[in-house]
Amino acid sequence: MKKQVKILSMILIVMMVIASISSVVCAAPDLSQQIKDMANGSGKQPTEVVNLGKTIVTIMQTVGIVVAVVVLLILGVKYMIGSAEEKAEYKKTMIPYLVGAILIFASTTIVNVVYNIANSFNG
C-alpha cells in the first residue's frame, strides 16, 4: 500500500509540473544567429551584447527555478512519506539544496554586481 501511495504521488507531481510548465514560453528571435555574429566580430553594439547576456541569464534563471521547485516538491513528498531514518537523510540533502536554490534566485543580482564592477573599470 505504501509503495502504491508513493507511485501515485509521484505521478500526480509529474502531472502538476507538466501542467504548470506547458504555458511557459521562452523564445528569442534567432538567438543562434546573434551568437554567430558575435563570434565572427560583425561589429555588434555593446547594448546588443548586454541584451543578449541578459536574455541568456534570464533563461538560465527560469530553468533553474523550475528545476528547484520540482526538486523541492519531490523532496517534500519523500520527506512526508519516509521513515525516521529516511527523514534524517533528506534533512542532510536539504543544506546543499538550499545553497543551490539561493544561488539560483540570487544569480541575477550576482551577475548585475559583476557587470557594474566591470563597467566601473572601463570608465
N, C-alpha and C. Protein backbone atom coordinates (compact mmCIF):
# COMPACT_ATOMS: atom_id res chain seq x y z
N MET A 1 0.82 -1.19 0.00
CA MET A 1 0.00 0.00 0.00
C MET A 1 0.86 1.26 0.00
N LYS A 2 1.93 1.23 0.80
CA LYS A 2 2.80 2.41 0.90
C LYS A 2 3.49 2.68 -0.43
N LYS A 3 3.88 1.62 -1.13
CA LYS A 3 4.53 1.79 -2.43
C LYS A 3 3.55 2.37 -3.45
N GLN A 4 2.30 1.96 -3.39
CA GLN A 4 1.29 2.49 -4.30
C GLN A 4 1.05 3.98 -4.05
N VAL A 5 1.09 4.39 -2.80
CA VAL A 5 0.90 5.80 -2.47
C VAL A 5 2.08 6.61 -3.02
N LYS A 6 3.29 6.09 -2.89
CA LYS A 6 4.47 6.78 -3.42
C LYS A 6 4.37 6.93 -4.93
N ILE A 7 3.99 5.86 -5.61
CA ILE A 7 3.88 5.91 -7.07
C ILE A 7 2.80 6.89 -7.49
N LEU A 8 1.66 6.84 -6.82
CA LEU A 8 0.57 7.74 -7.15
C LEU A 8 0.96 9.20 -6.90
N SER A 9 1.64 9.46 -5.79
CA SER A 9 2.03 10.83 -5.50
C SER A 9 3.06 11.33 -6.51
N MET A 10 3.97 10.49 -6.93
CA MET A 10 4.96 10.90 -7.93
C MET A 10 4.29 11.18 -9.27
N ILE A 11 3.31 10.37 -9.65
CA ILE A 11 2.58 10.61 -10.89
C ILE A 11 1.82 11.92 -10.82
N LEU A 12 1.19 12.21 -9.68
CA LEU A 12 0.47 13.47 -9.53
C LEU A 12 1.41 14.66 -9.59
N ILE A 13 2.58 14.56 -8.98
CA ILE A 13 3.56 15.65 -9.01
C ILE A 13 4.02 15.90 -10.44
N VAL A 14 4.33 14.84 -11.17
CA VAL A 14 4.78 14.99 -12.55
C VAL A 14 3.68 15.63 -13.40
N MET A 15 2.44 15.22 -13.19
CA MET A 15 1.34 15.81 -13.96
C MET A 15 1.17 17.29 -13.63
N MET A 16 1.31 17.67 -12.35
CA MET A 16 1.18 19.08 -11.98
C MET A 16 2.31 19.91 -12.57
N VAL A 17 3.51 19.36 -12.55
CA VAL A 17 4.65 20.10 -13.11
C VAL A 17 4.48 20.28 -14.61
N ILE A 18 4.05 19.23 -15.30
CA ILE A 18 3.85 19.34 -16.75
C ILE A 18 2.75 20.35 -17.05
N ALA A 19 1.70 20.35 -16.26
CA ALA A 19 0.61 21.30 -16.49
C ALA A 19 1.07 22.74 -16.24
N SER A 20 1.95 22.94 -15.27
CA SER A 20 2.38 24.31 -14.98
C SER A 20 3.46 24.79 -15.94
N ILE A 21 4.26 23.90 -16.48
CA ILE A 21 5.34 24.29 -17.39
C ILE A 21 4.81 24.51 -18.80
N SER A 22 3.73 23.87 -19.15
CA SER A 22 3.27 23.90 -20.54
C SER A 22 2.93 25.31 -21.02
N SER A 23 2.62 26.22 -20.12
CA SER A 23 2.28 27.57 -20.56
C SER A 23 3.47 28.52 -20.56
N VAL A 24 4.63 28.07 -20.11
CA VAL A 24 5.82 28.92 -20.07
C VAL A 24 6.52 28.84 -21.42
N VAL A 25 6.77 29.99 -22.02
CA VAL A 25 7.44 30.04 -23.31
C VAL A 25 8.60 31.01 -23.21
N CYS A 26 9.79 30.54 -23.51
CA CYS A 26 10.97 31.40 -23.55
C CYS A 26 11.51 31.34 -24.97
N ALA A 27 11.38 32.43 -25.69
CA ALA A 27 11.84 32.43 -27.07
C ALA A 27 12.55 33.73 -27.37
N ALA A 28 13.59 33.62 -28.16
CA ALA A 28 14.31 34.81 -28.61
C ALA A 28 14.42 34.70 -30.13
N PRO A 29 14.19 35.78 -30.82
CA PRO A 29 14.26 35.71 -32.28
C PRO A 29 15.69 35.47 -32.76
N ASP A 30 15.90 34.31 -33.31
CA ASP A 30 17.17 33.96 -33.94
C ASP A 30 18.37 34.19 -33.03
N LEU A 31 18.31 33.59 -31.84
CA LEU A 31 19.38 33.74 -30.86
C LEU A 31 20.68 33.12 -31.37
N SER A 32 20.59 32.00 -32.07
CA SER A 32 21.80 31.36 -32.58
C SER A 32 22.52 32.25 -33.59
N GLN A 33 21.76 32.99 -34.39
CA GLN A 33 22.39 33.89 -35.36
C GLN A 33 23.11 35.03 -34.65
N GLN A 34 22.53 35.53 -33.57
CA GLN A 34 23.19 36.59 -32.81
C GLN A 34 24.51 36.11 -32.23
N ILE A 35 24.53 34.88 -31.73
CA ILE A 35 25.76 34.33 -31.17
C ILE A 35 26.81 34.15 -32.27
N LYS A 36 26.39 33.67 -33.45
CA LYS A 36 27.32 33.51 -34.57
C LYS A 36 27.89 34.85 -35.00
N ASP A 37 27.04 35.88 -35.06
CA ASP A 37 27.50 37.21 -35.44
C ASP A 37 28.53 37.74 -34.45
N MET A 38 28.29 37.49 -33.16
CA MET A 38 29.24 37.94 -32.16
C MET A 38 30.57 37.22 -32.32
N ALA A 39 30.54 35.92 -32.63
CA ALA A 39 31.77 35.15 -32.79
C ALA A 39 32.55 35.61 -34.02
N ASN A 40 31.85 36.03 -35.07
CA ASN A 40 32.51 36.49 -36.29
C ASN A 40 32.99 37.93 -36.19
N GLY A 41 32.63 38.62 -35.12
CA GLY A 41 33.06 40.00 -34.94
C GLY A 41 32.40 40.94 -35.92
N SER A 42 31.10 40.83 -36.08
CA SER A 42 30.39 41.63 -37.07
C SER A 42 30.08 43.04 -36.57
N GLY A 43 30.72 43.48 -35.51
CA GLY A 43 30.56 44.86 -35.06
C GLY A 43 29.26 45.11 -34.32
N LYS A 44 28.85 44.21 -33.46
CA LYS A 44 27.63 44.41 -32.68
C LYS A 44 27.83 45.56 -31.69
N GLN A 45 26.79 46.27 -31.45
CA GLN A 45 26.83 47.36 -30.49
C GLN A 45 26.89 46.76 -29.08
N PRO A 46 27.53 47.43 -28.13
CA PRO A 46 27.62 46.89 -26.77
C PRO A 46 26.25 46.66 -26.13
N THR A 47 25.26 47.49 -26.46
CA THR A 47 23.95 47.30 -25.87
C THR A 47 23.31 46.00 -26.34
N GLU A 48 23.59 45.61 -27.59
CA GLU A 48 23.04 44.34 -28.09
C GLU A 48 23.68 43.16 -27.37
N VAL A 49 24.97 43.26 -27.09
CA VAL A 49 25.66 42.19 -26.37
C VAL A 49 25.11 42.10 -24.94
N VAL A 50 24.90 43.24 -24.30
CA VAL A 50 24.35 43.26 -22.95
C VAL A 50 22.95 42.66 -22.94
N ASN A 51 22.14 43.03 -23.93
CA ASN A 51 20.78 42.48 -24.00
C ASN A 51 20.80 40.98 -24.23
N LEU A 52 21.73 40.51 -25.06
CA LEU A 52 21.85 39.07 -25.29
C LEU A 52 22.26 38.36 -24.00
N GLY A 53 23.19 38.95 -23.26
CA GLY A 53 23.61 38.38 -21.98
C GLY A 53 22.46 38.33 -20.98
N LYS A 54 21.67 39.40 -20.93
CA LYS A 54 20.52 39.42 -20.03
C LYS A 54 19.51 38.35 -20.41
N THR A 55 19.32 38.16 -21.72
CA THR A 55 18.39 37.13 -22.18
C THR A 55 18.86 35.74 -21.76
N ILE A 56 20.14 35.49 -21.93
CA ILE A 56 20.69 34.18 -21.57
C ILE A 56 20.58 33.95 -20.07
N VAL A 57 20.91 34.96 -19.27
CA VAL A 57 20.82 34.82 -17.81
C VAL A 57 19.38 34.59 -17.38
N THR A 58 18.44 35.29 -18.00
CA THR A 58 17.02 35.12 -17.66
C THR A 58 16.55 33.71 -17.97
N ILE A 59 16.94 33.20 -19.13
CA ILE A 59 16.55 31.83 -19.49
C ILE A 59 17.13 30.83 -18.51
N MET A 60 18.42 30.99 -18.19
CA MET A 60 19.07 30.07 -17.25
C MET A 60 18.41 30.15 -15.87
N GLN A 61 18.07 31.35 -15.44
CA GLN A 61 17.44 31.51 -14.13
C GLN A 61 16.04 30.87 -14.13
N THR A 62 15.29 31.03 -15.20
CA THR A 62 13.95 30.43 -15.27
C THR A 62 14.02 28.92 -15.21
N VAL A 63 14.94 28.34 -15.98
CA VAL A 63 15.10 26.88 -15.95
C VAL A 63 15.54 26.42 -14.56
N GLY A 64 16.46 27.16 -13.95
CA GLY A 64 16.92 26.80 -12.62
C GLY A 64 15.82 26.85 -11.58
N ILE A 65 14.97 27.86 -11.66
CA ILE A 65 13.87 27.98 -10.70
C ILE A 65 12.88 26.83 -10.88
N VAL A 66 12.58 26.48 -12.12
CA VAL A 66 11.66 25.36 -12.37
C VAL A 66 12.24 24.07 -11.80
N VAL A 67 13.52 23.83 -12.04
CA VAL A 67 14.17 22.62 -11.52
C VAL A 67 14.18 22.64 -9.99
N ALA A 68 14.47 23.79 -9.39
CA ALA A 68 14.50 23.89 -7.93
C ALA A 68 13.13 23.59 -7.32
N VAL A 69 12.08 24.09 -7.94
CA VAL A 69 10.73 23.84 -7.42
C VAL A 69 10.37 22.36 -7.56
N VAL A 70 10.72 21.76 -8.68
CA VAL A 70 10.42 20.33 -8.87
C VAL A 70 11.16 19.49 -7.84
N VAL A 71 12.44 19.78 -7.63
CA VAL A 71 13.22 19.02 -6.65
C VAL A 71 12.64 19.22 -5.25
N LEU A 72 12.23 20.45 -4.93
CA LEU A 72 11.64 20.70 -3.62
C LEU A 72 10.35 19.91 -3.44
N LEU A 73 9.53 19.83 -4.48
CA LEU A 73 8.30 19.04 -4.39
C LEU A 73 8.60 17.56 -4.16
N ILE A 74 9.58 17.05 -4.89
CA ILE A 74 9.94 15.63 -4.75
C ILE A 74 10.49 15.36 -3.35
N LEU A 75 11.41 16.22 -2.88
CA LEU A 75 11.97 16.02 -1.54
C LEU A 75 10.89 16.15 -0.46
N GLY A 76 9.96 17.08 -0.65
CA GLY A 76 8.89 17.24 0.32
C GLY A 76 7.99 16.03 0.42
N VAL A 77 7.63 15.48 -0.73
CA VAL A 77 6.78 14.27 -0.71
C VAL A 77 7.53 13.10 -0.11
N LYS A 78 8.80 12.94 -0.49
CA LYS A 78 9.59 11.85 0.08
C LYS A 78 9.76 12.02 1.58
N TYR A 79 9.92 13.25 2.03
CA TYR A 79 10.06 13.51 3.47
C TYR A 79 8.78 13.17 4.22
N MET A 80 7.64 13.51 3.64
CA MET A 80 6.37 13.23 4.31
C MET A 80 6.09 11.73 4.38
N ILE A 81 6.50 11.01 3.35
CA ILE A 81 6.18 9.59 3.28
C ILE A 81 7.24 8.73 3.97
N GLY A 82 8.47 9.23 4.06
CA GLY A 82 9.60 8.44 4.53
C GLY A 82 9.55 8.09 6.01
N SER A 83 10.38 7.10 6.35
CA SER A 83 10.52 6.69 7.74
C SER A 83 11.45 7.66 8.46
N ALA A 84 11.72 7.40 9.74
CA ALA A 84 12.56 8.30 10.53
C ALA A 84 13.98 8.35 9.98
N GLU A 85 14.51 7.20 9.57
CA GLU A 85 15.87 7.17 9.01
C GLU A 85 15.93 7.90 7.67
N GLU A 86 14.90 7.73 6.83
CA GLU A 86 14.87 8.43 5.55
C GLU A 86 14.73 9.93 5.75
N LYS A 87 13.98 10.34 6.76
CA LYS A 87 13.82 11.77 7.04
C LYS A 87 15.16 12.39 7.42
N ALA A 88 15.97 11.66 8.17
CA ALA A 88 17.29 12.16 8.55
C ALA A 88 18.16 12.34 7.32
N GLU A 89 18.07 11.41 6.36
CA GLU A 89 18.84 11.54 5.12
C GLU A 89 18.37 12.73 4.30
N TYR A 90 17.07 12.95 4.25
CA TYR A 90 16.54 14.08 3.48
C TYR A 90 16.95 15.41 4.10
N LYS A 91 17.04 15.45 5.44
CA LYS A 91 17.50 16.67 6.10
C LYS A 91 18.95 16.97 5.72
N LYS A 92 19.76 15.94 5.54
CA LYS A 92 21.15 16.14 5.14
C LYS A 92 21.24 16.69 3.72
N THR A 93 20.33 16.30 2.86
CA THR A 93 20.37 16.78 1.48
C THR A 93 19.77 18.17 1.34
N MET A 94 19.09 18.66 2.36
CA MET A 94 18.45 19.97 2.27
C MET A 94 19.45 21.12 2.27
N ILE A 95 20.57 21.01 2.98
CA ILE A 95 21.53 22.12 3.05
C ILE A 95 22.13 22.41 1.67
N PRO A 96 22.66 21.41 0.94
CA PRO A 96 23.15 21.73 -0.41
C PRO A 96 22.04 22.22 -1.34
N TYR A 97 20.84 21.68 -1.16
CA TYR A 97 19.72 22.13 -1.99
C TYR A 97 19.43 23.61 -1.72
N LEU A 98 19.38 23.99 -0.45
CA LEU A 98 19.09 25.39 -0.11
C LEU A 98 20.17 26.33 -0.63
N VAL A 99 21.44 25.92 -0.53
CA VAL A 99 22.52 26.76 -1.05
C VAL A 99 22.36 26.93 -2.56
N GLY A 100 22.07 25.86 -3.26
CA GLY A 100 21.87 25.94 -4.71
C GLY A 100 20.67 26.79 -5.08
N ALA A 101 19.58 26.63 -4.34
CA ALA A 101 18.37 27.42 -4.63
C ALA A 101 18.61 28.90 -4.38
N ILE A 102 19.33 29.23 -3.31
CA ILE A 102 19.64 30.64 -3.04
C ILE A 102 20.51 31.21 -4.15
N LEU A 103 21.48 30.44 -4.62
CA LEU A 103 22.33 30.91 -5.72
C LEU A 103 21.52 31.11 -7.00
N ILE A 104 20.58 30.24 -7.26
CA ILE A 104 19.75 30.39 -8.47
C ILE A 104 18.90 31.65 -8.37
N PHE A 105 18.28 31.85 -7.20
CA PHE A 105 17.41 33.01 -7.05
C PHE A 105 18.22 34.31 -7.03
N ALA A 106 19.47 34.25 -6.58
CA ALA A 106 20.29 35.46 -6.48
C ALA A 106 21.19 35.65 -7.70
N SER A 107 21.09 34.77 -8.68
CA SER A 107 22.03 34.83 -9.82
C SER A 107 21.95 36.14 -10.59
N THR A 108 20.75 36.67 -10.76
CA THR A 108 20.62 37.93 -11.48
C THR A 108 21.33 39.05 -10.74
N THR A 109 21.18 39.08 -9.44
CA THR A 109 21.85 40.10 -8.64
C THR A 109 23.37 39.95 -8.72
N ILE A 110 23.86 38.73 -8.65
CA ILE A 110 25.30 38.48 -8.72
C ILE A 110 25.84 38.93 -10.08
N VAL A 111 25.14 38.59 -11.15
CA VAL A 111 25.59 38.98 -12.49
C VAL A 111 25.57 40.50 -12.63
N ASN A 112 24.55 41.16 -12.10
CA ASN A 112 24.49 42.63 -12.17
C ASN A 112 25.63 43.28 -11.40
N VAL A 113 25.99 42.72 -10.24
CA VAL A 113 27.11 43.27 -9.46
C VAL A 113 28.41 43.13 -10.24
N VAL A 114 28.65 41.97 -10.84
CA VAL A 114 29.86 41.76 -11.63
C VAL A 114 29.88 42.70 -12.83
N TYR A 115 28.73 42.88 -13.49
CA TYR A 115 28.64 43.78 -14.64
C TYR A 115 28.94 45.22 -14.23
N ASN A 116 28.38 45.67 -13.12
CA ASN A 116 28.62 47.04 -12.66
C ASN A 116 30.08 47.25 -12.27
N ILE A 117 30.70 46.25 -11.65
CA ILE A 117 32.12 46.37 -11.31
C ILE A 117 32.97 46.45 -12.57
N ALA A 118 32.66 45.62 -13.55
CA ALA A 118 33.41 45.66 -14.81
C ALA A 118 33.21 46.99 -15.53
N ASN A 119 32.01 47.55 -15.48
CA ASN A 119 31.75 48.84 -16.10
C ASN A 119 32.50 49.96 -15.40
N SER A 120 32.66 49.85 -14.09
CA SER A 120 33.36 50.92 -13.35
C SER A 120 34.84 50.94 -13.72
N PHE A 121 35.42 49.81 -14.10
CA PHE A 121 36.83 49.76 -14.51
C PHE A 121 37.00 50.32 -15.91
N ASN A 122 36.00 50.18 -16.76
CA ASN A 122 36.10 50.65 -18.14
C ASN A 122 35.89 52.16 -18.25
N GLY A 123 35.40 52.77 -17.27
CA GLY A 123 35.26 54.22 -17.32
C GLY A 123 33.86 54.57 -17.17
